[in-house]
Amino acid sequence: MRQLWILLGWSPDYGAPTTAVAVLGLDIGATVTRHIEWVPREYQACQTWRERIATTPTDELPACLALWENSPIAPAVRVEPMSPAPDLAAAVQAQIDDLLRP
């Protein structure tokens, strides 16, 4: 099963977690595979997510995302893949490209 998540960081301008900082993709089967693409130039807003991803074993990410989805400071929003993709990296890249499109 494939999951794509948009990771949000805190925006001091809006006083809410409205800044998209990354797209995280998971392929969940017998093992969990992950791929992440970070939004350029969002260094401060992505700190919470960088720490979470760095300290969470990949196999535990699906359960943790279920909790982080409701975080008031740095939530995750599950989205459907943009289109069928040949692999996880392509699915994540398509989503980040759409996110960055003006």
N, C-alpha and C. Protein backbone atom coordinates (compact mmCIF):
# COMPACT_ATOMS: atom_id res chain seq x y z
N MET A 1 0.84 -1.17 0.00
CA MET A 1 0.00 0.00 0.00
C MET A 1 0.90 1.24 0.00
N ARG A 2 0.57 2.18 -0.82
CA ARG A 2 1.35 3.42 -0.92
C ARG A 2 0.61 4.55 -0.22
N GLN A 3 1.36 5.32 0.57
CA GLN A 3 0.82 6.51 1.22
C GLN A 3 1.71 7.71 0.90
N LEU A 4 1.07 8.84 0.64
CA LEU A 4 1.80 10.09 0.47
C LEU A 4 1.31 11.08 1.52
N TRP A 5 2.24 11.80 2.11
CA TRP A 5 1.92 12.76 3.16
C TRP A 5 2.59 14.09 2.84
N ILE A 6 1.85 15.17 3.00
CA ILE A 6 2.44 16.51 2.96
C ILE A 6 2.71 16.88 4.41
N LEU A 7 3.95 17.23 4.69
CA LEU A 7 4.36 17.57 6.04
C LEU A 7 4.32 19.09 6.19
N LEU A 8 3.65 19.56 7.22
CA LEU A 8 3.48 21.00 7.43
C LEU A 8 4.30 21.48 8.61
N GLY A 9 4.84 22.69 8.48
CA GLY A 9 5.60 23.30 9.55
C GLY A 9 4.95 24.60 9.98
N TRP A 10 5.39 25.10 11.12
CA TRP A 10 4.83 26.30 11.73
C TRP A 10 5.17 27.54 10.91
N SER A 11 4.17 28.38 10.68
CA SER A 11 4.36 29.66 10.01
C SER A 11 4.18 30.78 11.03
N PRO A 12 5.24 31.50 11.36
CA PRO A 12 5.08 32.61 12.30
C PRO A 12 4.20 33.72 11.73
N ASP A 13 4.14 33.83 10.42
CA ASP A 13 3.29 34.86 9.80
C ASP A 13 1.81 34.61 10.06
N TYR A 14 1.41 33.36 10.07
CA TYR A 14 0.00 33.01 10.24
C TYR A 14 -0.32 32.46 11.63
N GLY A 15 0.71 32.14 12.40
CA GLY A 15 0.49 31.59 13.74
C GLY A 15 -0.16 30.22 13.70
N ALA A 16 0.18 29.47 12.67
CA ALA A 16 -0.41 28.13 12.48
C ALA A 16 0.53 27.30 11.60
N PRO A 17 0.36 25.98 11.60
CA PRO A 17 1.21 25.13 10.76
C PRO A 17 0.69 25.08 9.32
N THR A 18 1.03 26.11 8.54
CA THR A 18 0.51 26.22 7.17
C THR A 18 1.59 26.11 6.10
N THR A 19 2.85 25.94 6.50
CA THR A 19 3.96 25.91 5.55
C THR A 19 4.28 24.47 5.17
N ALA A 20 4.09 24.13 3.90
CA ALA A 20 4.47 22.80 3.42
C ALA A 20 5.99 22.72 3.40
N VAL A 21 6.55 21.71 4.10
CA VAL A 21 8.00 21.60 4.19
C VAL A 21 8.55 20.37 3.47
N ALA A 22 7.69 19.38 3.19
CA ALA A 22 8.18 18.16 2.53
C ALA A 22 7.00 17.30 2.09
N VAL A 23 7.32 16.36 1.22
CA VAL A 23 6.39 15.28 0.87
C VAL A 23 7.08 13.99 1.25
N LEU A 24 6.39 13.20 2.04
CA LEU A 24 6.91 11.89 2.49
C LEU A 24 6.06 10.80 1.85
N GLY A 25 6.73 9.85 1.22
CA GLY A 25 6.03 8.71 0.64
C GLY A 25 6.42 7.44 1.36
N LEU A 26 5.44 6.57 1.57
CA LEU A 26 5.68 5.27 2.19
C LEU A 26 5.09 4.18 1.32
N ASP A 27 5.84 3.13 1.09
CA ASP A 27 5.32 1.90 0.52
C ASP A 27 5.30 0.90 1.66
N ILE A 28 4.09 0.46 2.02
CA ILE A 28 3.92 -0.40 3.18
C ILE A 28 3.56 -1.81 2.71
N GLY A 29 4.41 -2.72 3.05
CA GLY A 29 4.18 -4.14 2.74
C GLY A 29 4.76 -4.95 3.88
N ALA A 30 5.51 -6.00 3.55
CA ALA A 30 6.18 -6.78 4.58
C ALA A 30 7.19 -5.89 5.33
N THR A 31 7.75 -4.94 4.60
CA THR A 31 8.61 -3.92 5.20
C THR A 31 8.09 -2.55 4.74
N VAL A 32 8.60 -1.51 5.34
CA VAL A 32 8.21 -0.15 4.97
C VAL A 32 9.39 0.52 4.27
N THR A 33 9.11 1.09 3.11
CA THR A 33 10.10 1.86 2.36
C THR A 33 9.65 3.30 2.37
N ARG A 34 10.59 4.23 2.52
CA ARG A 34 10.22 5.65 2.53
C ARG A 34 11.05 6.43 1.53
N HIS A 35 10.47 7.52 1.08
CA HIS A 35 11.18 8.48 0.24
C HIS A 35 10.64 9.85 0.62
N ILE A 36 11.55 10.82 0.77
CA ILE A 36 11.14 12.16 1.17
C ILE A 36 11.83 13.19 0.29
N GLU A 37 11.06 14.21 -0.07
CA GLU A 37 11.59 15.36 -0.81
C GLU A 37 11.26 16.60 0.01
N TRP A 38 12.28 17.39 0.31
CA TRP A 38 12.11 18.60 1.13
C TRP A 38 11.84 19.80 0.24
N VAL A 39 10.99 20.69 0.71
CA VAL A 39 10.72 21.95 0.01
C VAL A 39 11.95 22.84 0.21
N PRO A 40 12.50 23.39 -0.86
CA PRO A 40 13.69 24.25 -0.72
C PRO A 40 13.40 25.49 0.14
N ARG A 41 14.41 25.90 0.87
CA ARG A 41 14.42 27.16 1.63
C ARG A 41 13.42 27.25 2.76
N GLU A 42 13.02 26.12 3.29
CA GLU A 42 12.12 26.10 4.45
C GLU A 42 12.87 25.51 5.65
N TYR A 43 14.04 26.03 5.91
CA TYR A 43 14.92 25.45 6.92
C TYR A 43 14.34 25.49 8.33
N GLN A 44 13.83 26.63 8.74
CA GLN A 44 13.32 26.76 10.11
C GLN A 44 12.03 25.97 10.30
N ALA A 45 11.11 26.10 9.35
CA ALA A 45 9.80 25.45 9.48
C ALA A 45 9.90 23.92 9.46
N CYS A 46 10.96 23.38 8.88
CA CYS A 46 11.06 21.92 8.75
C CYS A 46 11.81 21.25 9.89
N GLN A 47 12.32 22.00 10.85
CA GLN A 47 13.14 21.43 11.90
C GLN A 47 12.45 20.29 12.66
N THR A 48 11.20 20.49 13.04
CA THR A 48 10.48 19.44 13.77
C THR A 48 10.41 18.17 12.95
N TRP A 49 10.11 18.32 11.66
CA TRP A 49 10.00 17.14 10.79
C TRP A 49 11.34 16.47 10.57
N ARG A 50 12.40 17.24 10.41
CA ARG A 50 13.73 16.63 10.23
C ARG A 50 14.11 15.80 11.45
N GLU A 51 13.81 16.31 12.63
CA GLU A 51 14.10 15.57 13.86
C GLU A 51 13.24 14.31 13.96
N ARG A 52 11.95 14.43 13.64
CA ARG A 52 11.06 13.26 13.71
C ARG A 52 11.53 12.17 12.76
N ILE A 53 11.81 12.54 11.52
CA ILE A 53 12.20 11.56 10.50
C ILE A 53 13.54 10.92 10.86
N ALA A 54 14.47 11.73 11.35
CA ALA A 54 15.81 11.22 11.68
C ALA A 54 15.79 10.26 12.87
N THR A 55 14.85 10.42 13.78
CA THR A 55 14.86 9.61 15.01
C THR A 55 13.80 8.50 15.03
N THR A 56 13.05 8.35 13.96
CA THR A 56 12.01 7.33 13.91
C THR A 56 12.41 6.22 12.94
N PRO A 57 12.47 4.99 13.42
CA PRO A 57 12.75 3.87 12.49
C PRO A 57 11.69 3.82 11.39
N THR A 58 12.11 3.50 10.20
CA THR A 58 11.20 3.50 9.04
C THR A 58 9.97 2.63 9.28
N ASP A 59 10.13 1.47 9.90
CA ASP A 59 8.99 0.59 10.13
C ASP A 59 7.97 1.18 11.09
N GLU A 60 8.35 2.16 11.89
CA GLU A 60 7.44 2.80 12.83
C GLU A 60 6.75 4.04 12.27
N LEU A 61 7.17 4.49 11.08
CA LEU A 61 6.60 5.72 10.51
C LEU A 61 5.07 5.68 10.32
N PRO A 62 4.50 4.58 9.79
CA PRO A 62 3.04 4.59 9.61
C PRO A 62 2.28 4.85 10.91
N ALA A 63 2.67 4.21 12.00
CA ALA A 63 1.99 4.41 13.29
C ALA A 63 2.23 5.82 13.81
N CYS A 64 3.44 6.32 13.66
CA CYS A 64 3.75 7.67 14.14
C CYS A 64 3.00 8.73 13.34
N LEU A 65 2.89 8.53 12.03
CA LEU A 65 2.16 9.50 11.21
C LEU A 65 0.70 9.60 11.61
N ALA A 66 0.13 8.49 12.05
CA ALA A 66 -1.25 8.52 12.52
C ALA A 66 -1.39 9.45 13.73
N LEU A 67 -0.36 9.53 14.55
CA LEU A 67 -0.37 10.45 15.69
C LEU A 67 -0.02 11.88 15.26
N TRP A 68 1.01 12.00 14.43
CA TRP A 68 1.47 13.32 14.00
C TRP A 68 0.44 14.02 13.12
N GLU A 69 -0.43 13.25 12.52
CA GLU A 69 -1.46 13.82 11.65
C GLU A 69 -2.27 14.90 12.39
N ASN A 70 -2.41 14.74 13.69
CA ASN A 70 -3.22 15.67 14.50
C ASN A 70 -2.38 16.62 15.34
N SER A 71 -1.11 16.72 15.06
CA SER A 71 -0.23 17.61 15.83
C SER A 71 -0.63 19.07 15.61
N PRO A 72 -0.75 19.84 16.69
CA PRO A 72 -1.11 21.25 16.53
C PRO A 72 0.06 22.12 16.04
N ILE A 73 1.29 21.59 16.08
CA ILE A 73 2.46 22.38 15.71
C ILE A 73 3.01 22.00 14.34
N ALA A 74 3.06 20.70 14.05
CA ALA A 74 3.64 20.22 12.79
C ALA A 74 2.87 18.98 12.33
N PRO A 75 1.68 19.18 11.75
CA PRO A 75 0.88 18.04 11.33
C PRO A 75 1.31 17.47 9.96
N ALA A 76 0.74 16.33 9.66
CA ALA A 76 0.92 15.70 8.35
C ALA A 76 -0.46 15.55 7.73
N VAL A 77 -0.53 15.75 6.42
CA VAL A 77 -1.80 15.64 5.71
C VAL A 77 -1.65 14.55 4.65
N ARG A 78 -2.46 13.51 4.76
CA ARG A 78 -2.39 12.43 3.79
C ARG A 78 -3.10 12.85 2.51
N VAL A 79 -2.46 12.58 1.38
CA VAL A 79 -3.03 12.93 0.08
C VAL A 79 -2.98 11.71 -0.84
N GLU A 80 -3.83 11.72 -1.81
CA GLU A 80 -3.81 10.66 -2.82
C GLU A 80 -2.73 10.96 -3.84
N PRO A 81 -2.08 9.94 -4.38
CA PRO A 81 -1.06 10.18 -5.41
C PRO A 81 -1.64 10.94 -6.59
N MET A 82 -0.82 11.81 -7.17
CA MET A 82 -1.24 12.64 -8.31
C MET A 82 -1.68 11.76 -9.49
N SER A 83 -0.90 10.72 -9.75
CA SER A 83 -1.19 9.81 -10.86
C SER A 83 -0.40 8.53 -10.61
N PRO A 84 -0.71 7.48 -11.34
CA PRO A 84 0.08 6.26 -11.17
C PRO A 84 1.56 6.56 -11.45
N ALA A 85 2.42 6.05 -10.61
CA ALA A 85 3.85 6.28 -10.78
C ALA A 85 4.58 4.94 -10.78
N PRO A 86 5.68 4.86 -11.50
CA PRO A 86 6.41 3.59 -11.58
C PRO A 86 7.05 3.17 -10.26
N ASP A 87 7.34 4.15 -9.40
CA ASP A 87 7.96 3.82 -8.11
C ASP A 87 7.65 4.92 -7.10
N LEU A 88 8.05 4.70 -5.87
CA LEU A 88 7.77 5.63 -4.79
C LEU A 88 8.42 6.99 -5.02
N ALA A 89 9.66 7.00 -5.46
CA ALA A 89 10.36 8.26 -5.70
C ALA A 89 9.62 9.11 -6.73
N ALA A 90 9.14 8.50 -7.79
CA ALA A 90 8.41 9.24 -8.83
C ALA A 90 7.09 9.79 -8.29
N ALA A 91 6.41 9.02 -7.44
CA ALA A 91 5.15 9.49 -6.85
C ALA A 91 5.39 10.70 -5.96
N VAL A 92 6.44 10.64 -5.14
CA VAL A 92 6.77 11.76 -4.25
C VAL A 92 7.18 12.98 -5.08
N GLN A 93 7.99 12.75 -6.10
CA GLN A 93 8.45 13.86 -6.94
C GLN A 93 7.28 14.54 -7.66
N ALA A 94 6.32 13.77 -8.15
CA ALA A 94 5.14 14.36 -8.80
C ALA A 94 4.37 15.24 -7.82
N GLN A 95 4.25 14.78 -6.58
CA GLN A 95 3.51 15.55 -5.57
C GLN A 95 4.25 16.83 -5.20
N ILE A 96 5.56 16.75 -5.04
CA ILE A 96 6.32 17.95 -4.68
C ILE A 96 6.33 18.94 -5.85
N ASP A 97 6.40 18.43 -7.07
CA ASP A 97 6.33 19.33 -8.23
C ASP A 97 5.00 20.07 -8.26
N ASP A 98 3.92 19.37 -7.97
CA ASP A 98 2.61 20.02 -7.94
C ASP A 98 2.53 21.04 -6.81
N LEU A 99 3.10 20.72 -5.69
CA LEU A 99 3.11 21.61 -4.52
C LEU A 99 3.88 22.91 -4.81
N LEU A 100 4.96 22.80 -5.57
CA LEU A 100 5.80 23.95 -5.86
C LEU A 100 5.37 24.73 -7.10
N ARG A 101 4.43 24.20 -7.82
CA ARG A 101 3.95 24.87 -9.04
C ARG A 101 3.26 26.18 -8.67
N PRO A 102 3.64 27.30 -9.31
CA PRO A 102 3.00 28.58 -8.97
C PRO A 102 1.55 28.65 -9.39
